[in-house]
Amino acid sequence: MAKRYNKYFAHKTTIDGHTFDSAREAERYCELKVMVKAGVIKHLELQPSFPLQDGFECKGKKYRPIIYKADFAYTDEHGEYVVEDVKGMETDVFKLKRKMFIKKYGDQCDFRIIK
């Protein structure tokens, strides 16, 4: 069987028992771990989920909820809640979910894209 490749050429990487979708995401995890140890950030979360739209039914058809799963979330040194997504390429789906996320949660957190 031929090895399957990610269409964006990302390589899954495992660190501390967590599998990340790309080497860059794993690298950012290591950077954030150092920041936690240094006391710069706290409450590091991996892949937190945020509901963007509830599921619903219309004309007998059920529609699943829309969920945005970020790469990381934490509290910074100023007490602000930060949500991060590591991106090599921004897909159309990501751009749409980012807009929905900012509309719903933008006043409650600082959203950052890490390249």
PDB file of N, CA and C in Angstrom:
ATOM      1  N   MET A   1       0.850  -1.185   0.000  1.00  0.00           N
ATOM      2  CA  MET A   1       0.000   0.000   0.000  1.00  0.00           C
ATOM      3  C   MET A   1       0.890   1.239   0.000  1.00  0.00           C
ATOM      4  N   ALA A   2       0.590   2.184  -0.852  1.00  0.00           N
ATOM      5  CA  ALA A   2       1.384   3.400  -0.967  1.00  0.00           C
ATOM      6  C   ALA A   2       1.126   4.314   0.229  1.00  0.00           C
ATOM      7  N   LYS A   3       2.175   5.026   0.652  1.00  0.00           N
ATOM      8  CA  LYS A   3       2.048   5.951   1.765  1.00  0.00           C
ATOM      9  C   LYS A   3       1.218   7.156   1.328  1.00  0.00           C
ATOM     10  N   ARG A   4       0.277   7.567   2.190  1.00  0.00           N
ATOM     11  CA  ARG A   4      -0.578   8.715   1.882  1.00  0.00           C
ATOM     12  C   ARG A   4       0.116   9.985   2.335  1.00  0.00           C
ATOM     13  N   TYR A   5       0.035  11.012   1.527  1.00  0.00           N
ATOM     14  CA  TYR A   5       0.626  12.300   1.847  1.00  0.00           C
ATOM     15  C   TYR A   5      -0.465  13.328   2.094  1.00  0.00           C
ATOM     16  N   ASN A   6      -0.191  14.253   3.000  1.00  0.00           N
ATOM     17  CA  ASN A   6      -1.084  15.362   3.243  1.00  0.00           C
ATOM     18  C   ASN A   6      -1.055  16.264   2.022  1.00  0.00           C
ATOM     19  N   LYS A   7      -2.206  16.784   1.621  1.00  0.00           N
ATOM     20  CA  LYS A   7      -2.240  17.587   0.398  1.00  0.00           C
ATOM     21  C   LYS A   7      -1.466  18.895   0.538  1.00  0.00           C
ATOM     22  N   TYR A   8      -1.171  19.312   1.769  1.00  0.00           N
ATOM     23  CA  TYR A   8      -0.363  20.511   1.974  1.00  0.00           C
ATOM     24  C   TYR A   8       1.058  20.148   2.397  1.00  0.00           C
ATOM     25  N   PHE A   9       1.410  18.866   2.271  1.00  0.00           N
ATOM     26  CA  PHE A   9       2.740  18.338   2.573  1.00  0.00           C
ATOM     27  C   PHE A   9       3.129  18.493   4.044  1.00  0.00           C
ATOM     28  N   ALA A  10       2.162  18.542   4.928  1.00  0.00           N
ATOM     29  CA  ALA A  10       2.430  18.587   6.362  1.00  0.00           C
ATOM     30  C   ALA A  10       2.727  17.170   6.844  1.00  0.00           C
ATOM     31  N   HIS A  11       3.581  17.065   7.835  1.00  0.00           N
ATOM     32  CA  HIS A  11       3.963  15.767   8.394  1.00  0.00           C
ATOM     33  C   HIS A  11       3.493  15.698   9.840  1.00  0.00           C
ATOM     34  N   LYS A  12       2.673  14.685  10.139  1.00  0.00           N
ATOM     35  CA  LYS A  12       2.215  14.505  11.516  1.00  0.00           C
ATOM     36  C   LYS A  12       3.428  14.256  12.407  1.00  0.00           C
ATOM     37  N   THR A  13       3.404  14.878  13.591  1.00  0.00           N
ATOM     38  CA  THR A  13       4.515  14.800  14.533  1.00  0.00           C
ATOM     39  C   THR A  13       3.954  14.550  15.920  1.00  0.00           C
ATOM     40  N   THR A  14       4.566  13.616  16.664  1.00  0.00           N
ATOM     41  CA  THR A  14       4.102  13.290  18.008  1.00  0.00           C
ATOM     42  C   THR A  14       5.116  13.760  19.044  1.00  0.00           C
ATOM     43  N   ILE A  15       4.626  14.499  20.042  1.00  0.00           N
ATOM     44  CA  ILE A  15       5.440  14.969  21.162  1.00  0.00           C
ATOM     45  C   ILE A  15       4.613  14.810  22.429  1.00  0.00           C
ATOM     46  N   ASP A  16       5.228  14.261  23.470  1.00  0.00           N
ATOM     47  CA  ASP A  16       4.555  14.063  24.765  1.00  0.00           C
ATOM     48  C   ASP A  16       3.247  13.287  24.623  1.00  0.00           C
ATOM     49  N   GLY A  17       3.177  12.394  23.650  1.00  0.00           N
ATOM     50  CA  GLY A  17       1.974  11.595  23.439  1.00  0.00           C
ATOM     51  C   GLY A  17       0.875  12.308  22.665  1.00  0.00           C
ATOM     52  N   HIS A  18       1.120  13.543  22.248  1.00  0.00           N
ATOM     53  CA  HIS A  18       0.149  14.312  21.457  1.00  0.00           C
ATOM     54  C   HIS A  18       0.595  14.298  20.002  1.00  0.00           C
ATOM     55  N   THR A  19      -0.304  13.955  19.090  1.00  0.00           N
ATOM     56  CA  THR A  19       0.014  13.964  17.665  1.00  0.00           C
ATOM     57  C   THR A  19      -0.495  15.264  17.064  1.00  0.00           C
ATOM     58  N   PHE A  20       0.416  15.991  16.447  1.00  0.00           N
ATOM     59  CA  PHE A  20       0.104  17.274  15.827  1.00  0.00           C
ATOM     60  C   PHE A  20       0.034  17.101  14.327  1.00  0.00           C
ATOM     61  N   ASP A  21      -0.796  17.924  13.670  1.00  0.00           N
ATOM     62  CA  ASP A  21      -1.008  17.807  12.230  1.00  0.00           C
ATOM     63  C   ASP A  21       0.197  18.228  11.400  1.00  0.00           C
ATOM     64  N   SER A  22       1.111  18.992  12.000  1.00  0.00           N
ATOM     65  CA  SER A  22       2.285  19.431  11.250  1.00  0.00           C
ATOM     66  C   SER A  22       3.472  19.592  12.188  1.00  0.00           C
ATOM     67  N   ALA A  23       4.657  19.604  11.602  1.00  0.00           N
ATOM     68  CA  ALA A  23       5.872  19.828  12.383  1.00  0.00           C
ATOM     69  C   ALA A  23       5.862  21.231  12.975  1.00  0.00           C
ATOM     70  N   ARG A  24       5.320  22.206  12.243  1.00  0.00           N
ATOM     71  CA  ARG A  24       5.270  23.585  12.754  1.00  0.00           C
ATOM     72  C   ARG A  24       4.352  23.680  13.973  1.00  0.00           C
ATOM     73  N   GLU A  25       3.237  22.962  13.955  1.00  0.00           N
ATOM     74  CA  GLU A  25       2.335  22.951  15.109  1.00  0.00           C
ATOM     75  C   GLU A  25       3.024  22.318  16.319  1.00  0.00           C
ATOM     76  N   ALA A  26       3.768  21.242  16.102  1.00  0.00           N
ATOM     77  CA  ALA A  26       4.515  20.593  17.176  1.00  0.00           C
ATOM     78  C   ALA A  26       5.594  21.533  17.719  1.00  0.00           C
ATOM     79  N   GLU A  27       6.241  22.256  16.827  1.00  0.00           N
ATOM     80  CA  GLU A  27       7.263  23.228  17.230  1.00  0.00           C
ATOM     81  C   GLU A  27       6.645  24.327  18.099  1.00  0.00           C
ATOM     82  N   ARG A  28       5.460  24.803  17.723  1.00  0.00           N
ATOM     83  CA  ARG A  28       4.788  25.834  18.504  1.00  0.00           C
ATOM     84  C   ARG A  28       4.402  25.297  19.875  1.00  0.00           C
ATOM     85  N   TYR A  29       4.006  24.035  19.940  1.00  0.00           N
ATOM     86  CA  TYR A  29       3.699  23.410  21.229  1.00  0.00           C
ATOM     87  C   TYR A  29       4.922  23.458  22.145  1.00  0.00           C
ATOM     88  N   CYS A  30       6.085  23.135  21.601  1.00  0.00           N
ATOM     89  CA  CYS A  30       7.330  23.172  22.395  1.00  0.00           C
ATOM     90  C   CYS A  30       7.625  24.590  22.877  1.00  0.00           C
ATOM     91  N   GLU A  31       7.399  25.581  22.013  1.00  0.00           N
ATOM     92  CA  GLU A  31       7.596  26.988  22.403  1.00  0.00           C
ATOM     93  C   GLU A  31       6.652  27.360  23.545  1.00  0.00           C
ATOM     94  N   LEU A  32       5.399  26.949  23.440  1.00  0.00           N
ATOM     95  CA  LEU A  32       4.416  27.266  24.477  1.00  0.00           C
ATOM     96  C   LEU A  32       4.736  26.563  25.792  1.00  0.00           C
ATOM     97  N   LYS A  33       5.248  25.326  25.730  1.00  0.00           N
ATOM     98  CA  LYS A  33       5.642  24.606  26.949  1.00  0.00           C
ATOM     99  C   LYS A  33       6.735  25.368  27.692  1.00  0.00           C
ATOM    100  N   VAL A  34       7.693  25.920  26.950  1.00  0.00           N
ATOM    101  CA  VAL A  34       8.767  26.718  27.565  1.00  0.00           C
ATOM    102  C   VAL A  34       8.171  27.964  28.222  1.00  0.00           C
ATOM    103  N   MET A  35       7.202  28.577  27.551  1.00  0.00           N
ATOM    104  CA  MET A  35       6.556  29.772  28.099  1.00  0.00           C
ATOM    105  C   MET A  35       5.777  29.445  29.375  1.00  0.00           C
ATOM    106  N   VAL A  36       5.175  28.265  29.442  1.00  0.00           N
ATOM    107  CA  VAL A  36       4.471  27.837  30.661  1.00  0.00           C
ATOM    108  C   VAL A  36       5.474  27.679  31.790  1.00  0.00           C
ATOM    109  N   LYS A  37       6.580  27.003  31.509  1.00  0.00           N
ATOM    110  CA  LYS A  37       7.612  26.793  32.547  1.00  0.00           C
ATOM    111  C   LYS A  37       8.175  28.112  33.052  1.00  0.00           C
ATOM    112  N   ALA A  38       8.307  29.095  32.152  1.00  0.00           N
ATOM    113  CA  ALA A  38       8.846  30.405  32.521  1.00  0.00           C
ATOM    114  C   ALA A  38       7.803  31.277  33.225  1.00  0.00           C
ATOM    115  N   GLY A  39       6.557  30.837  33.256  1.00  0.00           N
ATOM    116  CA  GLY A  39       5.497  31.595  33.908  1.00  0.00           C
ATOM    117  C   GLY A  39       4.939  32.731  33.060  1.00  0.00           C
ATOM    118  N   VAL A  40       5.267  32.735  31.774  1.00  0.00           N
ATOM    119  CA  VAL A  40       4.792  33.781  30.872  1.00  0.00           C
ATOM    120  C   VAL A  40       3.323  33.548  30.500  1.00  0.00           C
ATOM    121  N   ILE A  41       2.934  32.280  30.351  1.00  0.00           N
ATOM    122  CA  ILE A  41       1.545  31.918  30.073  1.00  0.00           C
ATOM    123  C   ILE A  41       1.125  30.820  31.039  1.00  0.00           C
ATOM    124  N   LYS A  42      -0.183  30.603  31.155  1.00  0.00           N
ATOM    125  CA  LYS A  42      -0.681  29.515  32.004  1.00  0.00           C
ATOM    126  C   LYS A  42      -1.961  28.946  31.410  1.00  0.00           C
ATOM    127  N   HIS A  43      -2.373  27.820  31.936  1.00  0.00           N
ATOM    128  CA  HIS A  43      -3.604  27.138  31.513  1.00  0.00           C
ATOM    129  C   HIS A  43      -3.574  26.771  30.023  1.00  0.00           C
ATOM    130  N   LEU A  44      -2.470  26.203  29.557  1.00  0.00           N
ATOM    131  CA  LEU A  44      -2.341  25.808  28.151  1.00  0.00           C
ATOM    132  C   LEU A  44      -3.306  24.672  27.837  1.00  0.00           C
ATOM    133  N   GLU A  45      -4.114  24.869  26.794  1.00  0.00           N
ATOM    134  CA  GLU A  45      -5.057  23.850  26.320  1.00  0.00           C
ATOM    135  C   GLU A  45      -4.668  23.457  24.903  1.00  0.00           C
ATOM    136  N   LEU A  46      -4.757  22.169  24.596  1.00  0.00           N
ATOM    137  CA  LEU A  46      -4.511  21.687  23.249  1.00  0.00           C
ATOM    138  C   LEU A  46      -5.835  21.355  22.584  1.00  0.00           C
ATOM    139  N   GLN A  47      -6.028  21.844  21.396  1.00  0.00           N
ATOM    140  CA  GLN A  47      -7.201  21.621  20.566  1.00  0.00           C
ATOM    141  C   GLN A  47      -8.525  21.895  21.282  1.00  0.00           C
ATOM    142  N   PRO A  48      -8.665  23.092  21.849  1.00  0.00           N
ATOM    143  CA  PRO A  48      -9.961  23.429  22.450  1.00  0.00           C
ATOM    144  C   PRO A  48     -11.014  23.611  21.359  1.00  0.00           C
ATOM    145  N   SER A  49     -12.243  23.227  21.659  1.00  0.00           N
ATOM    146  CA  SER A  49     -13.344  23.334  20.699  1.00  0.00           C
ATOM    147  C   SER A  49     -14.274  24.478  21.075  1.00  0.00           C
ATOM    148  N   PHE A  50     -14.758  25.161  20.058  1.00  0.00           N
ATOM    149  CA  PHE A  50     -15.667  26.285  20.252  1.00  0.00           C
ATOM    150  C   PHE A  50     -16.882  26.105  19.343  1.00  0.00           C
ATOM    151  N   PRO A  51     -18.074  25.990  19.920  1.00  0.00           N
ATOM    152  CA  PRO A  51     -19.270  25.889  19.070  1.00  0.00           C
ATOM    153  C   PRO A  51     -19.532  27.212  18.367  1.00  0.00           C
ATOM    154  N   LEU A  52     -19.744  27.147  17.067  1.00  0.00           N
ATOM    155  CA  LEU A  52     -20.032  28.346  16.283  1.00  0.00           C
ATOM    156  C   LEU A  52     -21.508  28.457  15.948  1.00  0.00           C
ATOM    157  N   GLN A  53     -22.142  27.305  15.744  1.00  0.00           N
ATOM    158  CA  GLN A  53     -23.577  27.280  15.428  1.00  0.00           C
ATOM    159  C   GLN A  53     -24.143  25.973  15.942  1.00  0.00           C
ATOM    160  N   ASP A  54     -25.283  26.039  16.582  1.00  0.00           N
ATOM    161  CA  ASP A  54     -25.942  24.833  17.084  1.00  0.00           C
ATOM    162  C   ASP A  54     -26.445  23.987  15.927  1.00  0.00           C
ATOM    163  N   GLY A  55     -26.578  22.690  16.192  1.00  0.00           N
ATOM    164  CA  GLY A  55     -27.221  21.818  15.226  1.00  0.00           C
ATOM    165  C   GLY A  55     -28.704  22.160  15.163  1.00  0.00           C
ATOM    166  N   PHE A  56     -29.346  21.799  14.077  1.00  0.00           N
ATOM    167  CA  PHE A  56     -30.766  22.115  13.931  1.00  0.00           C
ATOM    168  C   PHE A  56     -31.406  21.160  12.941  1.00  0.00           C
ATOM    169  N   GLU A  57     -32.735  21.236  12.893  1.00  0.00           N
ATOM    170  CA  GLU A  57     -33.499  20.425  11.958  1.00  0.00           C
ATOM    171  C   GLU A  57     -34.353  21.354  11.112  1.00  0.00           C
ATOM    172  N   CYS A  58     -34.412  21.085   9.829  1.00  0.00           N
ATOM    173  CA  CYS A  58     -35.214  21.894   8.916  1.00  0.00           C
ATOM    174  C   CYS A  58     -35.842  20.975   7.878  1.00  0.00           C
ATOM    175  N   LYS A  59     -37.163  21.010   7.791  1.00  0.00           N
ATOM    176  CA  LYS A  59     -37.913  20.195   6.837  1.00  0.00           C
ATOM    177  C   LYS A  59     -37.546  18.713   6.932  1.00  0.00           C
ATOM    178  N   GLY A  60     -37.383  18.251   8.174  1.00  0.00           N
ATOM    179  CA  GLY A  60     -37.110  16.848   8.418  1.00  0.00           C
ATOM    180  C   GLY A  60     -35.652  16.435   8.272  1.00  0.00           C
ATOM    181  N   LYS A  61     -34.794  17.349   7.865  1.00  0.00           N
ATOM    182  CA  LYS A  61     -33.372  17.032   7.714  1.00  0.00           C
ATOM    183  C   LYS A  61     -32.598  17.623   8.885  1.00  0.00           C
ATOM    184  N   LYS A  62     -31.718  16.790   9.472  1.00  0.00           N
ATOM    185  CA  LYS A  62     -30.912  17.239  10.606  1.00  0.00           C
ATOM    186  C   LYS A  62     -29.571  17.769  10.113  1.00  0.00           C
ATOM    187  N   TYR A  63     -29.166  18.893  10.686  1.00  0.00           N
ATOM    188  CA  TYR A  63     -27.883  19.511  10.372  1.00  0.00           C
ATOM    189  C   TYR A  63     -27.026  19.517  11.632  1.00  0.00           C
ATOM    190  N   ARG A  64     -25.790  19.072  11.486  1.00  0.00           N
ATOM    191  CA  ARG A  64     -24.889  18.999  12.636  1.00  0.00           C
ATOM    192  C   ARG A  64     -24.419  20.408  13.032  1.00  0.00           C
ATOM    193  N   PRO A  65     -24.001  20.547  14.285  1.00  0.00           N
ATOM    194  CA  PRO A  65     -23.473  21.850  14.702  1.00  0.00           C
ATOM    195  C   PRO A  65     -22.151  22.148  13.983  1.00  0.00           C
ATOM    196  N   ILE A  66     -21.800  23.425  13.917  1.00  0.00           N
ATOM    197  CA  ILE A  66     -20.514  23.836  13.355  1.00  0.00           C
ATOM    198  C   ILE A  66     -19.595  24.125  14.529  1.00  0.00           C
ATOM    199  N   ILE A  67     -18.469  23.436  14.562  1.00  0.00           N
ATOM    200  CA  ILE A  67     -17.502  23.549  15.655  1.00  0.00           C
ATOM    201  C   ILE A  67     -16.172  24.027  15.081  1.00  0.00           C
ATOM    202  N   TYR A  68     -15.525  24.957  15.778  1.00  0.00           N
ATOM    203  CA  TYR A  68     -14.171  25.369  15.412  1.00  0.00           C
ATOM    204  C   TYR A  68     -13.223  24.773  16.437  1.00  0.00           C
ATOM    205  N   LYS A  69     -12.228  24.030  15.981  1.00  0.00           N
ATOM    206  CA  LYS A  69     -11.235  23.442  16.869  1.00  0.00           C
ATOM    207  C   LYS A  69      -9.916  24.170  16.629  1.00  0.00           C
ATOM    208  N   ALA A  70      -9.499  24.957  17.622  1.00  0.00           N
ATOM    209  CA  ALA A  70      -8.239  25.694  17.542  1.00  0.00           C
ATOM    210  C   ALA A  70      -7.083  24.750  17.870  1.00  0.00           C
ATOM    211  N   ASP A  71      -5.870  25.204  17.631  1.00  0.00           N
ATOM    212  CA  ASP A  71      -4.707  24.395  17.981  1.00  0.00           C
ATOM    213  C   ASP A  71      -4.357  24.547  19.463  1.00  0.00           C
ATOM    214  N   PHE A  72      -4.384  25.787  19.955  1.00  0.00           N
ATOM    215  CA  PHE A  72      -3.997  26.055  21.346  1.00  0.00           C
ATOM    216  C   PHE A  72      -4.834  27.194  21.918  1.00  0.00           C
ATOM    217  N   ALA A  73      -4.947  27.190  23.247  1.00  0.00           N
ATOM    218  CA  ALA A  73      -5.528  28.317  23.975  1.00  0.00           C
ATOM    219  C   ALA A  73      -4.785  28.398  25.306  1.00  0.00           C
ATOM    220  N   TYR A  74      -4.643  29.612  25.803  1.00  0.00           N
ATOM    221  CA  TYR A  74      -3.943  29.826  27.076  1.00  0.00           C
ATOM    222  C   TYR A  74      -4.261  31.228  27.585  1.00  0.00           C
ATOM    223  N   THR A  75      -3.827  31.489  28.820  1.00  0.00           N
ATOM    224  CA  THR A  75      -3.948  32.821  29.400  1.00  0.00           C
ATOM    225  C   THR A  75      -2.570  33.448  29.392  1.00  0.00           C
ATOM    226  N   ASP A  76      -2.458  34.666  28.845  1.00  0.00           N
ATOM    227  CA  ASP A  76      -1.143  35.309  28.763  1.00  0.00           C
ATOM    228  C   ASP A  76      -0.809  36.036  30.069  1.00  0.00           C
ATOM    229  N   GLU A  77       0.347  36.701  30.082  1.00  0.00           N
ATOM    230  CA  GLU A  77       0.838  37.360  31.306  1.00  0.00           C
ATOM    231  C   GLU A  77      -0.041  38.520  31.745  1.00  0.00           C
ATOM    232  N   HIS A  78      -0.903  39.028  30.879  1.00  0.00           N
ATOM    233  CA  HIS A  78      -1.808  40.121  31.217  1.00  0.00           C
ATOM    234  C   HIS A  78      -3.195  39.611  31.623  1.00  0.00           C
ATOM    235  N   GLY A  79      -3.346  38.284  31.670  1.00  0.00           N
ATOM    236  CA  GLY A  79      -4.628  37.690  32.049  1.00  0.00           C
ATOM    237  C   GLY A  79      -5.608  37.570  30.898  1.00  0.00           C
ATOM    238  N   GLU A  80      -5.156  37.830  29.664  1.00  0.00           N
ATOM    239  CA  GLU A  80      -6.029  37.737  28.504  1.00  0.00           C
ATOM    240  C   GLU A  80      -6.042  36.308  27.964  1.00  0.00           C
ATOM    241  N   TYR A  81      -7.232  35.853  27.588  1.00  0.00           N
ATOM    242  CA  TYR A  81      -7.394  34.519  27.001  1.00  0.00           C
ATOM    243  C   TYR A  81      -6.988  34.601  25.533  1.00  0.00           C
ATOM    244  N   VAL A  82      -6.057  33.749  25.127  1.00  0.00           N
ATOM    245  CA  VAL A  82      -5.529  33.758  23.758  1.00  0.00           C
ATOM    246  C   VAL A  82      -5.869  32.433  23.084  1.00  0.00           C
ATOM    247  N   VAL A  83      -6.352  32.513  21.852  1.00  0.00           N
ATOM    248  CA  VAL A  83      -6.643  31.335  21.034  1.00  0.00           C
ATOM    249  C   VAL A  83      -5.722  31.402  19.822  1.00  0.00           C
ATOM    250  N   GLU A  84      -4.988  30.306  19.576  1.00  0.00           N
ATOM    251  CA  GLU A  84      -4.030  30.279  18.471  1.00  0.00           C
ATOM    252  C   GLU A  84      -4.340  29.166  17.493  1.00  0.00           C
ATOM    253  N   ASP A  85      -4.062  29.449  16.235  1.00  0.00           N
ATOM    254  CA  ASP A  85      -4.134  28.442  15.190  1.00  0.00           C
ATOM    255  C   ASP A  85      -2.860  28.550  14.372  1.00  0.00           C
ATOM    256  N   VAL A  86      -2.157  27.440  14.227  1.00  0.00           N
ATOM    257  CA  VAL A  86      -0.935  27.400  13.434  1.00  0.00           C
ATOM    258  C   VAL A  86      -1.334  27.063  12.004  1.00  0.00           C
ATOM    259  N   LYS A  87      -0.992  27.939  11.082  1.00  0.00           N
ATOM    260  CA  LYS A  87      -1.407  27.758   9.688  1.00  0.00           C
ATOM    261  C   LYS A  87      -0.234  27.945   8.737  1.00  0.00           C
ATOM    262  N   GLY A  88      -0.092  26.995   7.829  1.00  0.00           N
ATOM    263  CA  GLY A  88       0.829  27.155   6.713  1.00  0.00           C
ATOM    264  C   GLY A  88       0.045  27.732   5.544  1.00  0.00           C
ATOM    265  N   MET A  89      -1.199  27.271   5.417  1.00  0.00           N
ATOM    266  CA  MET A  89      -2.073  27.733   4.338  1.00  0.00           C
ATOM    267  C   MET A  89      -3.475  27.913   4.903  1.00  0.00           C
ATOM    268  N   GLU A  90      -4.084  29.039   4.614  1.00  0.00           N
ATOM    269  CA  GLU A  90      -5.434  29.313   5.093  1.00  0.00           C
ATOM    270  C   GLU A  90      -6.446  28.852   4.042  1.00  0.00           C
ATOM    271  N   THR A  91      -7.209  27.829   4.380  1.00  0.00           N
ATOM    272  CA  THR A  91      -8.227  27.316   3.468  1.00  0.00           C
ATOM    273  C   THR A  91      -9.473  28.192   3.533  1.00  0.00           C
ATOM    274  N   ASP A  92     -10.350  28.028   2.563  1.00  0.00           N
ATOM    275  CA  ASP A  92     -11.610  28.779   2.556  1.00  0.00           C
ATOM    276  C   ASP A  92     -12.468  28.423   3.772  1.00  0.00           C
ATOM    277  N   VAL A  93     -12.470  27.150   4.154  1.00  0.00           N
ATOM    278  CA  VAL A  93     -13.245  26.722   5.333  1.00  0.00           C
ATOM    279  C   VAL A  93     -12.701  27.400   6.575  1.00  0.00           C
ATOM    280  N   PHE A  94     -11.357  27.442   6.712  1.00  0.00           N
ATOM    281  CA  PHE A  94     -10.757  28.115   7.871  1.00  0.00           C
ATOM    282  C   PHE A  94     -11.138  29.590   7.898  1.00  0.00           C
ATOM    283  N   LYS A  95     -11.075  30.257   6.761  1.00  0.00           N
ATOM    284  CA  LYS A  95     -11.409  31.688   6.708  1.00  0.00           C
ATOM    285  C   LYS A  95     -12.845  31.940   7.146  1.00  0.00           C
ATOM    286  N   LEU A  96     -13.750  31.074   6.731  1.00  0.00           N
ATOM    287  CA  LEU A  96     -15.155  31.200   7.121  1.00  0.00           C
ATOM    288  C   LEU A  96     -15.325  30.963   8.627  1.00  0.00           C
ATOM    289  N   LYS A  97     -14.713  29.897   9.149  1.00  0.00           N
ATOM    290  CA  LYS A  97     -14.823  29.592  10.578  1.00  0.00           C
ATOM    291  C   LYS A  97     -14.152  30.674  11.423  1.00  0.00           C
ATOM    292  N   ARG A  98     -13.041  31.228  10.927  1.00  0.00           N
ATOM    293  CA  ARG A  98     -12.371  32.307  11.659  1.00  0.00           C
ATOM    294  C   ARG A  98     -13.320  33.499  11.798  1.00  0.00           C
ATOM    295  N   LYS A  99     -14.002  33.847  10.718  1.00  0.00           N
ATOM    296  CA  LYS A  99     -14.941  34.976  10.747  1.00  0.00           C
ATOM    297  C   LYS A  99     -16.075  34.701  11.738  1.00  0.00           C
ATOM    298  N   MET A 100     -16.612  33.487  11.722  1.00  0.00           N
ATOM    299  CA  MET A 100     -17.680  33.120  12.652  1.00  0.00           C
ATOM    300  C   MET A 100     -17.173  33.146  14.093  1.00  0.00           C
ATOM    301  N   PHE A 101     -15.936  32.651  14.303  1.00  0.00           N
ATOM    302  CA  PHE A 101     -15.340  32.632  15.636  1.00  0.00           C
ATOM    303  C   PHE A 101     -15.184  34.047  16.173  1.00  0.00           C
ATOM    304  N   ILE A 102     -14.636  34.935  15.355  1.00  0.00           N
ATOM    305  CA  ILE A 102     -14.402  36.311  15.793  1.00  0.00           C
ATOM    306  C   ILE A 102     -15.722  37.014  16.100  1.00  0.00           C
ATOM    307  N   LYS A 103     -16.749  36.749  15.300  1.00  0.00           N
ATOM    308  CA  LYS A 103     -18.064  37.355  15.565  1.00  0.00           C
ATOM    309  C   LYS A 103     -18.603  36.908  16.923  1.00  0.00           C
ATOM    310  N   LYS A 104     -18.445  35.621  17.232  1.00  0.00           N
ATOM    311  CA  LYS A 104     -19.027  35.080  18.466  1.00  0.00           C
ATOM    312  C   LYS A 104     -18.135  35.280  19.691  1.00  0.00           C
ATOM    313  N   TYR A 105     -16.812  35.159  19.521  1.00  0.00           N
ATOM    314  CA  TYR A 105     -15.904  35.161  20.675  1.00  0.00           C
ATOM    315  C   TYR A 105     -14.875  36.295  20.666  1.00  0.00           C
ATOM    316  N   GLY A 106     -14.902  37.141  19.657  1.00  0.00           N
ATOM    317  CA  GLY A 106     -13.873  38.160  19.495  1.00  0.00           C
ATOM    318  C   GLY A 106     -13.697  39.111  20.666  1.00  0.00           C
ATOM    319  N   ASP A 107     -14.768  39.400  21.396  1.00  0.00           N
ATOM    320  CA  ASP A 107     -14.665  40.287  22.559  1.00  0.00           C
ATOM    321  C   ASP A 107     -14.131  39.571  23.796  1.00  0.00           C
ATOM    322  N   GLN A 108     -14.086  38.242  23.745  1.00  0.00           N
ATOM    323  CA  GLN A 108     -13.700  37.467  24.914  1.00  0.00           C
ATOM    324  C   GLN A 108     -12.259  36.977  24.867  1.00  0.00           C
ATOM    325  N   CYS A 109     -11.589  37.130  23.712  1.00  0.00           N
ATOM    326  CA  CYS A 109     -10.245  36.577  23.589  1.00  0.00           C
ATOM    327  C   CYS A 109      -9.453  37.305  22.522  1.00  0.00           C
ATOM    328  N   ASP A 110      -8.188  36.990  22.457  1.00  0.00           N
ATOM    329  CA  ASP A 110      -7.296  37.478  21.406  1.00  0.00           C
ATOM    330  C   ASP A 110      -7.030  36.294  20.471  1.00  0.00           C
ATOM    331  N   PHE A 111      -7.445  36.409  19.231  1.00  0.00           N
ATOM    332  CA  PHE A 111      -7.270  35.324  18.260  1.00  0.00           C
ATOM    333  C   PHE A 111      -6.009  35.583  17.464  1.00  0.00           C
ATOM    334  N   ARG A 112      -5.123  34.578  17.398  1.00  0.00           N
ATOM    335  CA  ARG A 112      -3.850  34.742  16.702  1.00  0.00           C
ATOM    336  C   ARG A 112      -3.614  33.595  15.719  1.00  0.00           C
ATOM    337  N   ILE A 113      -3.130  33.969  14.547  1.00  0.00           N
ATOM    338  CA  ILE A 113      -2.694  32.981  13.564  1.00  0.00           C
ATOM    339  C   ILE A 113      -1.183  32.962  13.592  1.00  0.00           C
ATOM    340  N   ILE A 114      -0.621  31.774  13.789  1.00  0.00           N
ATOM    341  CA  ILE A 114       0.829  31.606  13.850  1.00  0.00           C
ATOM    342  C   ILE A 114       1.270  30.955  12.551  1.00  0.00           C
ATOM    343  N   LYS A 115       2.189  31.579  11.868  1.00  0.00           N
ATOM    344  CA  LYS A 115       2.705  31.042  10.595  1.00  0.00           C
ATOM    345  C   LYS A 115       3.947  30.213  10.834  1.00  0.00           C
TER     346      LYS A 115
END
